[in-house]
Each structure stands twice: as structure tokens, then as C-alpha cells.
Amino acid sequence: MRTISLTCALVLGLFASLTASAPAQAKLSDMDKKELAMLAGLEKKHVAAEAAYKKKPSDAKLKKAHIDAATKLADAVLISPALAPKDKYPKSLRLYRGVKKVDAKNVHAKKQIELIEGIYRSMGRPIPK
């Protein structure tokens, strides 16, 4: 269900970015600032959770916190209207791959990786490593 809503949000975001007029984009600057601040906060939490997990990789709570923080950041980056596709797709793909590396059975990360790789294929672009 979450994948469907992210996919819908992604499609709507792409449509909105393609149809937005210059005056509408000018009005988004305050919203973009708030969005970027929110993303910076999620990034900070992710970095802290990842550092704590790397210090004690056998700690299940730290592993879960790291996965949750990375997933939340990746989801937010993927649908962020403040980021250009050239920025959001590689970053969210890296984050989802990081989640898969820590938790190979993570279904959400797997689906999102497939989604992003499909977007690259549909554009005829190489998939980032």
C-alpha cells in the first residue's frame, strides 16, 4: 500500500513539475525552504542512526533505527517537490540500496529500488551504481 501511495505521489510530483508555471514556482520558494529544512532534519537523523549502528552492528534496536531512518529519508527524498529528479532518484536509490544491504529481506526497499530503476530504464538512462 505504501509503495502505491509513493508511486502516485511520484507521478503527481512529476506532472506538477512539468506543468508548473514560473509564477507558481516563485511562490514555492518558501515551501521549498521548509521542505529542504525537513529533509536536512531527516538526513541528520539518518547520519546519527547509521553511525550508532556501525559502532554496534549486532544491536537489533540500532539496526532497526538505522533502517527506519534511512527508509524515511529515502521516501521523503523520492517524493520531494523541492528536489530535481537528477538529485532525488540517485540519492533515494543509494539509500534504499543501503537498507537492502543491512536488511536483504526488506520488501519496501526492494520495491522502491525496482521502481526507480524502472524510471531510469523508461527514460533510456543508465542506472546509477
N, C-alpha and C. Protein backbone atom coordinates (compact mmCIF):
# COMPACT_ATOMS: atom_id res chain seq x y z
N MET A 1 0.83 -1.19 0.00
CA MET A 1 0.00 0.00 0.00
C MET A 1 0.87 1.25 0.00
N ARG A 2 1.93 1.23 0.80
CA ARG A 2 2.81 2.38 0.90
C ARG A 2 3.51 2.64 -0.43
N THR A 3 3.87 1.58 -1.13
CA THR A 3 4.52 1.71 -2.43
C THR A 3 3.58 2.37 -3.42
N ILE A 4 2.32 2.00 -3.39
CA ILE A 4 1.36 2.59 -4.31
C ILE A 4 1.23 4.08 -4.04
N SER A 5 1.12 4.48 -2.79
CA SER A 5 0.97 5.89 -2.49
C SER A 5 2.23 6.67 -2.87
N LEU A 6 3.41 6.08 -2.68
CA LEU A 6 4.64 6.75 -3.09
C LEU A 6 4.71 6.86 -4.60
N THR A 7 4.27 5.82 -5.29
CA THR A 7 4.26 5.84 -6.74
C THR A 7 3.31 6.92 -7.25
N CYS A 8 2.13 6.99 -6.67
CA CYS A 8 1.17 8.03 -7.05
C CYS A 8 1.73 9.41 -6.78
N ALA A 9 2.34 9.58 -5.62
CA ALA A 9 2.92 10.88 -5.28
C ALA A 9 4.05 11.23 -6.24
N LEU A 10 4.82 10.25 -6.62
CA LEU A 10 5.92 10.48 -7.56
C LEU A 10 5.38 10.92 -8.91
N VAL A 11 4.38 10.23 -9.40
CA VAL A 11 3.78 10.59 -10.70
C VAL A 11 3.16 11.98 -10.62
N LEU A 12 2.42 12.26 -9.55
CA LEU A 12 1.81 13.58 -9.40
C LEU A 12 2.87 14.67 -9.29
N GLY A 13 3.95 14.38 -8.59
CA GLY A 13 5.04 15.35 -8.46
C GLY A 13 5.69 15.64 -9.79
N LEU A 14 5.91 14.60 -10.58
CA LEU A 14 6.48 14.79 -11.92
C LEU A 14 5.54 15.60 -12.79
N PHE A 15 4.25 15.30 -12.73
CA PHE A 15 3.27 16.04 -13.51
C PHE A 15 3.24 17.50 -13.09
N ALA A 16 3.23 17.73 -11.79
CA ALA A 16 3.19 19.11 -11.28
C ALA A 16 4.43 19.89 -11.70
N SER A 17 5.58 19.24 -11.65
CA SER A 17 6.80 19.94 -12.03
C SER A 17 6.84 20.26 -13.52
N LEU A 18 6.21 19.43 -14.32
CA LEU A 18 6.18 19.67 -15.76
C LEU A 18 5.16 20.73 -16.15
N THR A 19 4.11 20.88 -15.36
CA THR A 19 3.04 21.81 -15.71
C THR A 19 3.07 23.10 -14.93
N ALA A 20 3.98 23.23 -13.99
CA ALA A 20 4.03 24.44 -13.15
C ALA A 20 4.49 25.63 -13.97
N SER A 21 3.85 26.76 -13.72
CA SER A 21 4.25 27.99 -14.41
C SER A 21 5.30 28.70 -13.58
N ALA A 22 5.99 29.65 -14.17
CA ALA A 22 7.04 30.40 -13.47
C ALA A 22 6.52 31.11 -12.23
N PRO A 23 5.35 31.81 -12.30
CA PRO A 23 4.85 32.46 -11.08
C PRO A 23 4.54 31.47 -9.96
N ALA A 24 4.01 30.30 -10.33
CA ALA A 24 3.72 29.29 -9.31
C ALA A 24 5.00 28.80 -8.67
N GLN A 25 6.06 28.64 -9.47
CA GLN A 25 7.33 28.19 -8.94
C GLN A 25 7.91 29.23 -8.00
N ALA A 26 7.73 30.50 -8.30
CA ALA A 26 8.24 31.56 -7.43
C ALA A 26 7.57 31.50 -6.06
N LYS A 27 6.28 31.15 -6.03
CA LYS A 27 5.55 31.05 -4.77
C LYS A 27 6.00 29.85 -3.96
N LEU A 28 6.59 28.86 -4.60
CA LEU A 28 7.01 27.65 -3.90
C LEU A 28 8.30 27.84 -3.11
N SER A 29 8.97 28.95 -3.27
CA SER A 29 10.26 29.11 -2.63
C SER A 29 10.19 28.93 -1.11
N ASP A 30 9.17 29.50 -0.46
CA ASP A 30 9.03 29.31 0.98
C ASP A 30 8.73 27.84 1.31
N MET A 31 7.89 27.23 0.48
CA MET A 31 7.59 25.81 0.68
C MET A 31 8.84 24.97 0.45
N ASP A 32 9.61 25.34 -0.57
CA ASP A 32 10.85 24.61 -0.85
C ASP A 32 11.82 24.73 0.32
N LYS A 33 11.90 25.91 0.91
CA LYS A 33 12.79 26.10 2.06
C LYS A 33 12.37 25.20 3.21
N LYS A 34 11.08 25.13 3.45
CA LYS A 34 10.58 24.27 4.53
C LYS A 34 10.84 22.80 4.21
N GLU A 35 10.63 22.44 2.96
CA GLU A 35 10.87 21.05 2.52
C GLU A 35 12.34 20.69 2.69
N LEU A 36 13.22 21.59 2.26
CA LEU A 36 14.66 21.32 2.38
C LEU A 36 15.10 21.26 3.83
N ALA A 37 14.49 22.07 4.68
CA ALA A 37 14.80 22.02 6.12
C ALA A 37 14.35 20.68 6.71
N MET A 38 13.18 20.21 6.28
CA MET A 38 12.67 18.92 6.75
C MET A 38 13.60 17.80 6.30
N LEU A 39 14.04 17.86 5.04
CA LEU A 39 14.95 16.84 4.52
C LEU A 39 16.29 16.88 5.27
N ALA A 40 16.77 18.07 5.60
CA ALA A 40 18.02 18.20 6.35
C ALA A 40 17.88 17.56 7.73
N GLY A 41 16.73 17.73 8.36
CA GLY A 41 16.48 17.10 9.66
C GLY A 41 16.48 15.59 9.56
N LEU A 42 15.84 15.06 8.51
CA LEU A 42 15.82 13.61 8.30
C LEU A 42 17.22 13.09 7.99
N GLU A 43 17.99 13.87 7.24
CA GLU A 43 19.37 13.49 6.92
C GLU A 43 20.21 13.40 8.19
N LYS A 44 20.03 14.37 9.07
CA LYS A 44 20.77 14.40 10.33
C LYS A 44 20.43 13.17 11.18
N LYS A 45 19.15 12.82 11.24
CA LYS A 45 18.73 11.63 11.99
C LYS A 45 19.30 10.37 11.37
N HIS A 46 19.30 10.33 10.05
CA HIS A 46 19.84 9.15 9.36
C HIS A 46 21.33 8.99 9.64
N VAL A 47 22.08 10.08 9.54
CA VAL A 47 23.53 10.02 9.77
C VAL A 47 23.82 9.54 11.19
N ALA A 48 23.06 10.06 12.16
CA ALA A 48 23.26 9.66 13.56
C ALA A 48 22.91 8.18 13.76
N ALA A 49 21.79 7.75 13.18
CA ALA A 49 21.37 6.35 13.32
C ALA A 49 22.36 5.40 12.65
N GLU A 50 22.88 5.80 11.50
CA GLU A 50 23.85 4.97 10.79
C GLU A 50 25.16 4.87 11.58
N ALA A 51 25.60 5.98 12.14
CA ALA A 51 26.84 5.97 12.93
C ALA A 51 26.70 5.08 14.15
N ALA A 52 25.55 5.18 14.83
CA ALA A 52 25.32 4.35 16.02
C ALA A 52 25.28 2.88 15.64
N TYR A 53 24.63 2.56 14.54
CA TYR A 53 24.55 1.17 14.09
C TYR A 53 25.94 0.62 13.72
N LYS A 54 26.75 1.43 13.05
CA LYS A 54 28.08 0.97 12.65
C LYS A 54 28.98 0.70 13.85
N LYS A 55 28.73 1.41 14.96
CA LYS A 55 29.51 1.16 16.18
C LYS A 55 29.12 -0.15 16.83
N LYS A 56 27.82 -0.51 16.73
CA LYS A 56 27.32 -1.75 17.34
C LYS A 56 26.38 -2.46 16.36
N PRO A 57 26.94 -3.06 15.32
CA PRO A 57 26.08 -3.69 14.30
C PRO A 57 25.29 -4.90 14.81
N SER A 58 25.65 -5.43 15.94
CA SER A 58 24.91 -6.58 16.47
C SER A 58 23.68 -6.15 17.29
N ASP A 59 23.52 -4.86 17.54
CA ASP A 59 22.39 -4.36 18.32
C ASP A 59 21.15 -4.23 17.43
N ALA A 60 20.15 -5.04 17.70
CA ALA A 60 18.93 -5.09 16.88
C ALA A 60 18.17 -3.76 16.88
N LYS A 61 18.15 -3.08 18.03
CA LYS A 61 17.44 -1.79 18.10
C LYS A 61 18.13 -0.74 17.24
N LEU A 62 19.46 -0.72 17.26
CA LEU A 62 20.20 0.24 16.44
C LEU A 62 20.05 -0.08 14.96
N LYS A 63 20.00 -1.37 14.64
CA LYS A 63 19.79 -1.78 13.25
C LYS A 63 18.43 -1.30 12.76
N LYS A 64 17.40 -1.52 13.57
CA LYS A 64 16.05 -1.08 13.20
C LYS A 64 15.98 0.44 13.08
N ALA A 65 16.61 1.15 14.00
CA ALA A 65 16.61 2.62 13.95
C ALA A 65 17.30 3.11 12.68
N HIS A 66 18.39 2.46 12.32
CA HIS A 66 19.11 2.82 11.09
C HIS A 66 18.24 2.58 9.87
N ILE A 67 17.63 1.42 9.79
CA ILE A 67 16.76 1.08 8.66
C ILE A 67 15.59 2.04 8.57
N ASP A 68 14.96 2.32 9.70
CA ASP A 68 13.82 3.24 9.72
C ASP A 68 14.21 4.64 9.28
N ALA A 69 15.34 5.13 9.78
CA ALA A 69 15.79 6.49 9.42
C ALA A 69 16.16 6.57 7.94
N ALA A 70 16.83 5.57 7.43
CA ALA A 70 17.22 5.55 6.02
C ALA A 70 15.99 5.46 5.12
N THR A 71 15.03 4.63 5.50
CA THR A 71 13.81 4.47 4.71
C THR A 71 12.99 5.75 4.71
N LYS A 72 12.86 6.36 5.87
CA LYS A 72 12.09 7.60 5.96
C LYS A 72 12.74 8.70 5.11
N LEU A 73 14.05 8.81 5.16
CA LEU A 73 14.75 9.80 4.35
C LEU A 73 14.60 9.48 2.86
N ALA A 74 14.79 8.23 2.49
CA ALA A 74 14.67 7.83 1.08
C ALA A 74 13.27 8.12 0.55
N ASP A 75 12.25 7.78 1.33
CA ASP A 75 10.87 8.05 0.91
C ASP A 75 10.63 9.55 0.72
N ALA A 76 11.13 10.35 1.66
CA ALA A 76 10.94 11.80 1.58
C ALA A 76 11.70 12.39 0.39
N VAL A 77 12.90 11.94 0.17
CA VAL A 77 13.70 12.43 -0.96
C VAL A 77 13.01 12.09 -2.27
N LEU A 78 12.52 10.87 -2.38
CA LEU A 78 11.92 10.39 -3.62
C LEU A 78 10.72 11.23 -4.05
N ILE A 79 9.93 11.69 -3.10
CA ILE A 79 8.71 12.43 -3.46
C ILE A 79 8.82 13.94 -3.23
N SER A 80 9.99 14.40 -2.87
CA SER A 80 10.17 15.82 -2.56
C SER A 80 9.99 16.71 -3.78
N PRO A 81 9.09 17.69 -3.68
CA PRO A 81 8.93 18.64 -4.78
C PRO A 81 10.08 19.65 -4.84
N ALA A 82 10.87 19.72 -3.80
CA ALA A 82 11.96 20.69 -3.74
C ALA A 82 13.23 20.19 -4.45
N LEU A 83 13.26 18.91 -4.78
CA LEU A 83 14.44 18.34 -5.42
C LEU A 83 14.15 17.99 -6.88
N ALA A 84 15.14 18.21 -7.71
CA ALA A 84 15.03 17.85 -9.12
C ALA A 84 15.20 16.34 -9.26
N PRO A 85 14.61 15.74 -10.28
CA PRO A 85 14.76 14.30 -10.48
C PRO A 85 16.23 13.86 -10.52
N LYS A 86 17.10 14.68 -11.09
CA LYS A 86 18.52 14.31 -11.18
C LYS A 86 19.17 14.22 -9.80
N ASP A 87 18.54 14.82 -8.80
CA ASP A 87 19.04 14.76 -7.43
C ASP A 87 18.32 13.69 -6.61
N LYS A 88 17.01 13.62 -6.76
CA LYS A 88 16.23 12.74 -5.90
C LYS A 88 16.38 11.25 -6.24
N TYR A 89 16.41 10.91 -7.52
CA TYR A 89 16.48 9.49 -7.87
C TYR A 89 17.78 8.82 -7.44
N PRO A 90 18.95 9.39 -7.75
CA PRO A 90 20.18 8.72 -7.31
C PRO A 90 20.31 8.64 -5.79
N LYS A 91 19.90 9.72 -5.11
CA LYS A 91 20.03 9.72 -3.65
C LYS A 91 19.10 8.69 -3.01
N SER A 92 17.84 8.68 -3.42
CA SER A 92 16.92 7.72 -2.83
C SER A 92 17.32 6.29 -3.20
N LEU A 93 17.82 6.09 -4.41
CA LEU A 93 18.28 4.76 -4.81
C LEU A 93 19.43 4.29 -3.93
N ARG A 94 20.38 5.19 -3.67
CA ARG A 94 21.51 4.86 -2.77
C ARG A 94 21.01 4.48 -1.38
N LEU A 95 20.06 5.25 -0.87
CA LEU A 95 19.53 4.99 0.46
C LEU A 95 18.79 3.64 0.52
N TYR A 96 17.95 3.38 -0.47
CA TYR A 96 17.23 2.10 -0.49
C TYR A 96 18.20 0.93 -0.62
N ARG A 97 19.23 1.11 -1.42
CA ARG A 97 20.24 0.04 -1.55
C ARG A 97 20.97 -0.18 -0.23
N GLY A 98 21.19 0.90 0.51
CA GLY A 98 21.80 0.78 1.83
C GLY A 98 20.91 -0.01 2.78
N VAL A 99 19.61 0.24 2.71
CA VAL A 99 18.66 -0.51 3.54
C VAL A 99 18.71 -1.99 3.16
N LYS A 100 18.71 -2.27 1.85
CA LYS A 100 18.77 -3.67 1.39
C LYS A 100 20.05 -4.35 1.83
N LYS A 101 21.14 -3.60 1.90
CA LYS A 101 22.42 -4.17 2.32
C LYS A 101 22.36 -4.60 3.79
N VAL A 102 21.67 -3.82 4.60
CA VAL A 102 21.55 -4.12 6.03
C VAL A 102 20.45 -5.15 6.26
N ASP A 103 19.38 -5.06 5.49
CA ASP A 103 18.23 -5.96 5.64
C ASP A 103 17.83 -6.48 4.26
N ALA A 104 18.44 -7.59 3.84
CA ALA A 104 18.24 -8.13 2.50
C ALA A 104 16.79 -8.50 2.21
N LYS A 105 15.99 -8.71 3.24
CA LYS A 105 14.60 -9.11 3.05
C LYS A 105 13.63 -7.94 3.08
N ASN A 106 14.12 -6.72 3.12
CA ASN A 106 13.27 -5.54 3.21
C ASN A 106 12.47 -5.36 1.91
N VAL A 107 11.19 -5.65 1.98
CA VAL A 107 10.31 -5.64 0.81
C VAL A 107 10.12 -4.22 0.28
N HIS A 108 9.95 -3.26 1.17
CA HIS A 108 9.73 -1.87 0.74
C HIS A 108 10.93 -1.35 -0.05
N ALA A 109 12.12 -1.58 0.47
CA ALA A 109 13.33 -1.12 -0.22
C ALA A 109 13.44 -1.80 -1.59
N LYS A 110 13.16 -3.08 -1.64
CA LYS A 110 13.25 -3.82 -2.90
C LYS A 110 12.28 -3.23 -3.93
N LYS A 111 11.05 -2.96 -3.52
CA LYS A 111 10.05 -2.42 -4.45
C LYS A 111 10.45 -1.02 -4.93
N GLN A 112 10.98 -0.22 -4.02
CA GLN A 112 11.37 1.14 -4.39
C GLN A 112 12.59 1.14 -5.32
N ILE A 113 13.51 0.22 -5.09
CA ILE A 113 14.67 0.08 -5.99
C ILE A 113 14.17 -0.28 -7.39
N GLU A 114 13.24 -1.23 -7.46
CA GLU A 114 12.68 -1.63 -8.75
C GLU A 114 11.96 -0.46 -9.42
N LEU A 115 11.23 0.33 -8.65
CA LEU A 115 10.53 1.49 -9.17
C LEU A 115 11.51 2.50 -9.79
N ILE A 116 12.52 2.85 -9.05
CA ILE A 116 13.49 3.85 -9.51
C ILE A 116 14.28 3.32 -10.71
N GLU A 117 14.70 2.08 -10.64
CA GLU A 117 15.42 1.50 -11.78
C GLU A 117 14.52 1.46 -13.02
N GLY A 118 13.24 1.21 -12.82
CA GLY A 118 12.28 1.24 -13.93
C GLY A 118 12.14 2.62 -14.53
N ILE A 119 12.19 3.63 -13.69
CA ILE A 119 12.13 5.01 -14.18
C ILE A 119 13.35 5.30 -15.05
N TYR A 120 14.53 4.90 -14.58
CA TYR A 120 15.74 5.10 -15.38
C TYR A 120 15.63 4.37 -16.72
N ARG A 121 15.15 3.12 -16.68
CA ARG A 121 15.01 2.35 -17.93
C ARG A 121 14.04 3.04 -18.88
N SER A 122 12.92 3.53 -18.34
CA SER A 122 11.90 4.16 -19.19
C SER A 122 12.43 5.45 -19.84
N MET A 123 13.39 6.08 -19.21
CA MET A 123 14.00 7.29 -19.78
C MET A 123 15.20 6.96 -20.67
N GLY A 124 15.54 5.68 -20.75
CA GLY A 124 16.69 5.28 -21.54
C GLY A 124 18.01 5.72 -20.94
N ARG A 125 18.03 5.88 -19.64
CA ARG A 125 19.22 6.33 -18.94
C ARG A 125 19.89 5.17 -18.21
N PRO A 126 21.20 5.26 -18.03
CA PRO A 126 21.88 4.22 -17.25
C PRO A 126 21.49 4.30 -15.77
N ILE A 127 21.37 3.16 -15.15
CA ILE A 127 21.01 3.09 -13.74
C ILE A 127 22.28 3.35 -12.93
N PRO A 128 22.24 4.32 -12.00
CA PRO A 128 23.42 4.60 -11.19
C PRO A 128 23.87 3.39 -10.39
N LYS A 129 25.16 3.25 -10.24
CA LYS A 129 25.73 2.14 -9.47
C LYS A 129 25.64 2.44 -8.00
